[in-house]
Amino acid sequence: MELRVPTVALAAEVTCADGRTFTGRIFVPAAASHHSGPMRPEEWINEPLPYFPFLPDDAAVPVMLNKHTVLVVTLQVGESSEGFEPIGLERRVAIECGERRLEGMVHIDMPENHQRVQDYLNRFELFLTLAEGTRHHLVQKHHITRVIEVREE
């Protein structure tokens, strides 16, 4: 008998460090341990498991992707983020991963004396979340070349 955790499928675009991009679905647990509702994608991607199932749009069965070879997972989050109201500071940044550049907001929910972008980048999680309108980019920090804080004029 195979045990399965109930999941929610989310449309995603996955860009790998080798330059390939795949569109399809990721599967996040339908229940989170720290809050009501499904696990947030940034919680899911930062779990310590090195592989995750990904169902490409043109396939009938999922493939396993290695998180360490993933550059960025991009998700459409729509208008509502399931009651998720960002706490803490927001900073506009540009993130460069080699030739690829992403720009958006990072939400820094950390103690008062650790609210710099540098502090956020140095957290232990493998991925950070960059919000760009209705899209969230889950960026693997090992592939980030530079982060530039964009000053609002």
C-alpha atoms as a PDB file:
ATOM      1  CA  MET A   1       0.000   0.000   0.000  1.00  0.00           C
ATOM      2  CA  GLU A   2       1.375   3.379  -1.017  1.00  0.00           C
ATOM      3  CA  LEU A   3       0.799   6.303   1.352  1.00  0.00           C
ATOM      4  CA  ARG A   4       0.320   9.703  -0.241  1.00  0.00           C
ATOM      5  CA  VAL A   5       0.223  13.190   1.200  1.00  0.00           C
ATOM      6  CA  PRO A   6      -2.699  15.210  -0.220  1.00  0.00           C
ATOM      7  CA  THR A   7      -1.290  17.952  -2.457  1.00  0.00           C
ATOM      8  CA  VAL A   8      -2.328  21.041  -4.384  1.00  0.00           C
ATOM      9  CA  ALA A   9      -0.989  21.337  -7.957  1.00  0.00           C
ATOM     10  CA  LEU A  10       0.384  24.782  -8.893  1.00  0.00           C
ATOM     11  CA  ALA A  11       1.300  25.946 -12.389  1.00  0.00           C
ATOM     12  CA  ALA A  12       5.031  26.675 -12.507  1.00  0.00           C
ATOM     13  CA  GLU A  13       7.887  27.488 -14.837  1.00  0.00           C
ATOM     14  CA  VAL A  14      11.186  25.942 -13.759  1.00  0.00           C
ATOM     15  CA  THR A  15      14.480  27.277 -15.124  1.00  0.00           C
ATOM     16  CA  CYS A  16      17.495  25.076 -14.500  1.00  0.00           C
ATOM     17  CA  ALA A  17      21.137  26.102 -14.122  1.00  0.00           C
ATOM     18  CA  ASP A  18      21.918  24.461 -17.499  1.00  0.00           C
ATOM     19  CA  GLY A  19      19.583  26.944 -19.241  1.00  0.00           C
ATOM     20  CA  ARG A  20      16.646  24.611 -19.867  1.00  0.00           C
ATOM     21  CA  THR A  21      13.155  25.832 -18.922  1.00  0.00           C
ATOM     22  CA  PHE A  22      10.174  23.590 -18.236  1.00  0.00           C
ATOM     23  CA  THR A  23       6.503  24.507 -17.794  1.00  0.00           C
ATOM     24  CA  GLY A  24       4.171  22.307 -15.812  1.00  0.00           C
ATOM     25  CA  ARG A  25       3.009  21.708 -12.252  1.00  0.00           C
ATOM     26  CA  ILE A  26       4.608  21.448  -8.814  1.00  0.00           C
ATOM     27  CA  PHE A  27       2.800  19.786  -5.916  1.00  0.00           C
ATOM     28  CA  VAL A  28       2.663  21.436  -2.483  1.00  0.00           C
ATOM     29  CA  PRO A  29       1.154  19.718   0.575  1.00  0.00           C
ATOM     30  CA  ALA A  30      -2.538  20.574   1.051  1.00  0.00           C
ATOM     31  CA  ALA A  31      -1.983  21.180   4.767  1.00  0.00           C
ATOM     32  CA  ALA A  32       0.784  23.168   6.448  1.00  0.00           C
ATOM     33  CA  SER A  33       2.047  22.437   9.946  1.00  0.00           C
ATOM     34  CA  HIS A  34       2.480  26.090  11.028  1.00  0.00           C
ATOM     35  CA  HIS A  35      -0.675  27.761   9.644  1.00  0.00           C
ATOM     36  CA  SER A  36      -4.074  26.929   8.144  1.00  0.00           C
ATOM     37  CA  GLY A  37      -4.422  26.104   4.461  1.00  0.00           C
ATOM     38  CA  PRO A  38      -1.897  24.632   2.043  1.00  0.00           C
ATOM     39  CA  MET A  39       1.834  24.943   2.542  1.00  0.00           C
ATOM     40  CA  ARG A  40       3.191  28.106   0.906  1.00  0.00           C
ATOM     41  CA  PRO A  41       5.486  27.487  -2.090  1.00  0.00           C
ATOM     42  CA  GLU A  42       8.426  29.193  -0.316  1.00  0.00           C
ATOM     43  CA  GLU A  43       7.972  26.828   2.657  1.00  0.00           C
ATOM     44  CA  TRP A  44       7.729  23.805   0.352  1.00  0.00           C
ATOM     45  CA  ILE A  45      10.811  24.639  -1.756  1.00  0.00           C
ATOM     46  CA  ASN A  46      12.922  25.210   1.371  1.00  0.00           C
ATOM     47  CA  GLU A  47      12.185  21.818   2.906  1.00  0.00           C
ATOM     48  CA  PRO A  48      15.420  19.799   3.268  1.00  0.00           C
ATOM     49  CA  LEU A  49      14.496  17.183   0.623  1.00  0.00           C
ATOM     50  CA  PRO A  50      16.833  17.469  -2.410  1.00  0.00           C
ATOM     51  CA  TYR A  51      14.362  16.223  -5.081  1.00  0.00           C
ATOM     52  CA  PHE A  52      10.782  17.127  -5.938  1.00  0.00           C
ATOM     53  CA  PRO A  53       8.242  15.815  -8.461  1.00  0.00           C
ATOM     54  CA  PHE A  54       7.429  18.073 -11.413  1.00  0.00           C
ATOM     55  CA  LEU A  55       4.768  17.272 -14.022  1.00  0.00           C
ATOM     56  CA  PRO A  56       5.720  18.842 -17.375  1.00  0.00           C
ATOM     57  CA  ASP A  57       2.787  20.121 -19.451  1.00  0.00           C
ATOM     58  CA  ASP A  58       3.648  17.641 -22.222  1.00  0.00           C
ATOM     59  CA  ALA A  59       3.992  14.552 -19.991  1.00  0.00           C
ATOM     60  CA  ALA A  60       1.671  12.050 -18.316  1.00  0.00           C
ATOM     61  CA  VAL A  61       3.972  11.210 -15.404  1.00  0.00           C
ATOM     62  CA  PRO A  62       6.087  13.477 -13.181  1.00  0.00           C
ATOM     63  CA  VAL A  63       9.875  13.733 -13.411  1.00  0.00           C
ATOM     64  CA  MET A  64      12.095  14.264 -10.381  1.00  0.00           C
ATOM     65  CA  LEU A  65      14.039  17.543 -10.326  1.00  0.00           C
ATOM     66  CA  ASN A  66      17.114  18.209  -8.190  1.00  0.00           C
ATOM     67  CA  LYS A  67      16.630  21.466  -6.233  1.00  0.00           C
ATOM     68  CA  HIS A  68      20.368  22.147  -6.389  1.00  0.00           C
ATOM     69  CA  THR A  69      20.230  22.380 -10.211  1.00  0.00           C
ATOM     70  CA  VAL A  70      17.144  24.639 -10.216  1.00  0.00           C
ATOM     71  CA  LEU A  71      17.856  28.315 -10.846  1.00  0.00           C
ATOM     72  CA  VAL A  72      14.326  29.675 -10.363  1.00  0.00           C
ATOM     73  CA  VAL A  73      10.751  28.442  -9.988  1.00  0.00           C
ATOM     74  CA  THR A  74       8.226  31.053 -11.175  1.00  0.00           C
ATOM     75  CA  LEU A  75       4.600  30.874 -10.011  1.00  0.00           C
ATOM     76  CA  GLN A  76       1.493  32.923 -10.852  1.00  0.00           C
ATOM     77  CA  VAL A  77       0.039  33.855  -7.479  1.00  0.00           C
ATOM     78  CA  GLY A  78      -2.942  35.867  -8.701  1.00  0.00           C
ATOM     79  CA  GLU A  79      -4.582  38.609  -6.708  1.00  0.00           C
ATOM     80  CA  SER A  80      -4.878  36.819  -3.363  1.00  0.00           C
ATOM     81  CA  SER A  81      -1.991  35.071  -1.669  1.00  0.00           C
ATOM     82  CA  GLU A  82      -4.294  32.999   0.576  1.00  0.00           C
ATOM     83  CA  GLY A  83      -4.511  35.615   3.325  1.00  0.00           C
ATOM     84  CA  PHE A  84      -0.755  36.089   3.281  1.00  0.00           C
ATOM     85  CA  GLU A  85      -0.059  39.661   4.316  1.00  0.00           C
ATOM     86  CA  PRO A  86       3.670  40.403   4.171  1.00  0.00           C
ATOM     87  CA  ILE A  87       5.087  41.304   7.579  1.00  0.00           C
ATOM     88  CA  GLY A  88       8.230  43.373   7.953  1.00  0.00           C
ATOM     89  CA  LEU A  89      10.070  45.500   5.442  1.00  0.00           C
ATOM     90  CA  GLU A  90       9.924  45.374   1.649  1.00  0.00           C
ATOM     91  CA  ARG A  91      12.995  46.112  -0.448  1.00  0.00           C
ATOM     92  CA  ARG A  92      13.168  46.391  -4.244  1.00  0.00           C
ATOM     93  CA  VAL A  93      16.112  44.423  -5.582  1.00  0.00           C
ATOM     94  CA  ALA A  94      17.567  43.199  -8.855  1.00  0.00           C
ATOM     95  CA  ILE A  95      18.919  39.664  -8.699  1.00  0.00           C
ATOM     96  CA  GLU A  96      21.426  38.440 -11.258  1.00  0.00           C
ATOM     97  CA  CYS A  97      22.057  34.750 -11.856  1.00  0.00           C
ATOM     98  CA  GLY A  98      24.754  34.879 -14.525  1.00  0.00           C
ATOM     99  CA  GLU A  99      23.097  36.434 -17.593  1.00  0.00           C
ATOM    100  CA  ARG A 100      19.573  36.214 -16.156  1.00  0.00           C
ATOM    101  CA  ARG A 101      18.230  39.258 -14.269  1.00  0.00           C
ATOM    102  CA  LEU A 102      15.071  39.373 -12.161  1.00  0.00           C
ATOM    103  CA  GLU A 103      13.684  42.433 -10.417  1.00  0.00           C
ATOM    104  CA  GLY A 104      11.063  42.649  -7.689  1.00  0.00           C
ATOM    105  CA  MET A 105      10.422  42.918  -3.970  1.00  0.00           C
ATOM    106  CA  VAL A 106      11.820  40.857  -1.122  1.00  0.00           C
ATOM    107  CA  HIS A 107       9.889  40.771   2.165  1.00  0.00           C
ATOM    108  CA  ILE A 108      12.246  40.926   5.133  1.00  0.00           C
ATOM    109  CA  ASP A 109      10.441  39.510   8.173  1.00  0.00           C
ATOM    110  CA  MET A 110      13.340  39.442  10.609  1.00  0.00           C
ATOM    111  CA  PRO A 111      14.289  40.970  13.985  1.00  0.00           C
ATOM    112  CA  GLU A 112      14.818  44.732  14.013  1.00  0.00           C
ATOM    113  CA  ASN A 113      18.614  44.580  14.033  1.00  0.00           C
ATOM    114  CA  HIS A 114      18.668  42.114  11.080  1.00  0.00           C
ATOM    115  CA  GLN A 115      16.560  43.870   8.456  1.00  0.00           C
ATOM    116  CA  ARG A 116      19.141  44.561   5.781  1.00  0.00           C
ATOM    117  CA  VAL A 117      18.972  42.831   2.386  1.00  0.00           C
ATOM    118  CA  GLN A 118      22.327  41.247   3.306  1.00  0.00           C
ATOM    119  CA  ASP A 119      20.789  39.702   6.446  1.00  0.00           C
ATOM    120  CA  TYR A 120      17.915  38.279   4.375  1.00  0.00           C
ATOM    121  CA  LEU A 121      20.308  36.799   1.796  1.00  0.00           C
ATOM    122  CA  ASN A 122      22.426  35.162   4.511  1.00  0.00           C
ATOM    123  CA  ARG A 123      19.530  33.220   6.021  1.00  0.00           C
ATOM    124  CA  PHE A 124      19.947  29.440   5.933  1.00  0.00           C
ATOM    125  CA  GLU A 125      17.165  28.709   3.387  1.00  0.00           C
ATOM    126  CA  LEU A 126      18.257  27.469  -0.038  1.00  0.00           C
ATOM    127  CA  PHE A 127      15.708  29.648  -1.915  1.00  0.00           C
ATOM    128  CA  LEU A 128      14.520  33.231  -1.522  1.00  0.00           C
ATOM    129  CA  THR A 129      11.226  34.669  -2.740  1.00  0.00           C
ATOM    130  CA  LEU A 130      11.173  37.618  -5.147  1.00  0.00           C
ATOM    131  CA  ALA A 131       7.694  39.098  -5.693  1.00  0.00           C
ATOM    132  CA  GLU A 132       7.095  40.685  -9.104  1.00  0.00           C
ATOM    133  CA  GLY A 133       3.456  41.722  -9.344  1.00  0.00           C
ATOM    134  CA  THR A 134       1.341  38.562  -9.576  1.00  0.00           C
ATOM    135  CA  ARG A 135       4.417  36.368 -10.064  1.00  0.00           C
ATOM    136  CA  HIS A 136       6.676  34.967  -7.382  1.00  0.00           C
ATOM    137  CA  HIS A 137      10.174  33.806  -8.271  1.00  0.00           C
ATOM    138  CA  LEU A 138      11.703  31.230  -5.925  1.00  0.00           C
ATOM    139  CA  VAL A 139      15.411  31.823  -6.611  1.00  0.00           C
ATOM    140  CA  GLN A 140      18.092  29.352  -5.543  1.00  0.00           C
ATOM    141  CA  LYS A 141      20.688  31.388  -3.667  1.00  0.00           C
ATOM    142  CA  HIS A 142      23.724  29.301  -4.723  1.00  0.00           C
ATOM    143  CA  HIS A 143      23.192  30.490  -8.323  1.00  0.00           C
ATOM    144  CA  ILE A 144      22.926  34.215  -7.483  1.00  0.00           C
ATOM    145  CA  THR A 145      25.871  36.218  -8.805  1.00  0.00           C
ATOM    146  CA  ARG A 146      24.844  39.699  -7.603  1.00  0.00           C
ATOM    147  CA  VAL A 147      21.999  41.397  -5.747  1.00  0.00           C
ATOM    148  CA  ILE A 148      21.535  45.117  -6.282  1.00  0.00           C
ATOM    149  CA  GLU A 149      19.245  47.120  -4.011  1.00  0.00           C
ATOM    150  CA  VAL A 150      17.135  49.359  -6.268  1.00  0.00           C
ATOM    151  CA  ARG A 151      16.518  52.699  -4.599  1.00  0.00           C
ATOM    152  CA  GLU A 152      13.019  54.085  -5.091  1.00  0.00           C
ATOM    153  CA  GLU A 153      13.206  57.669  -6.360  1.00  0.00           C
END
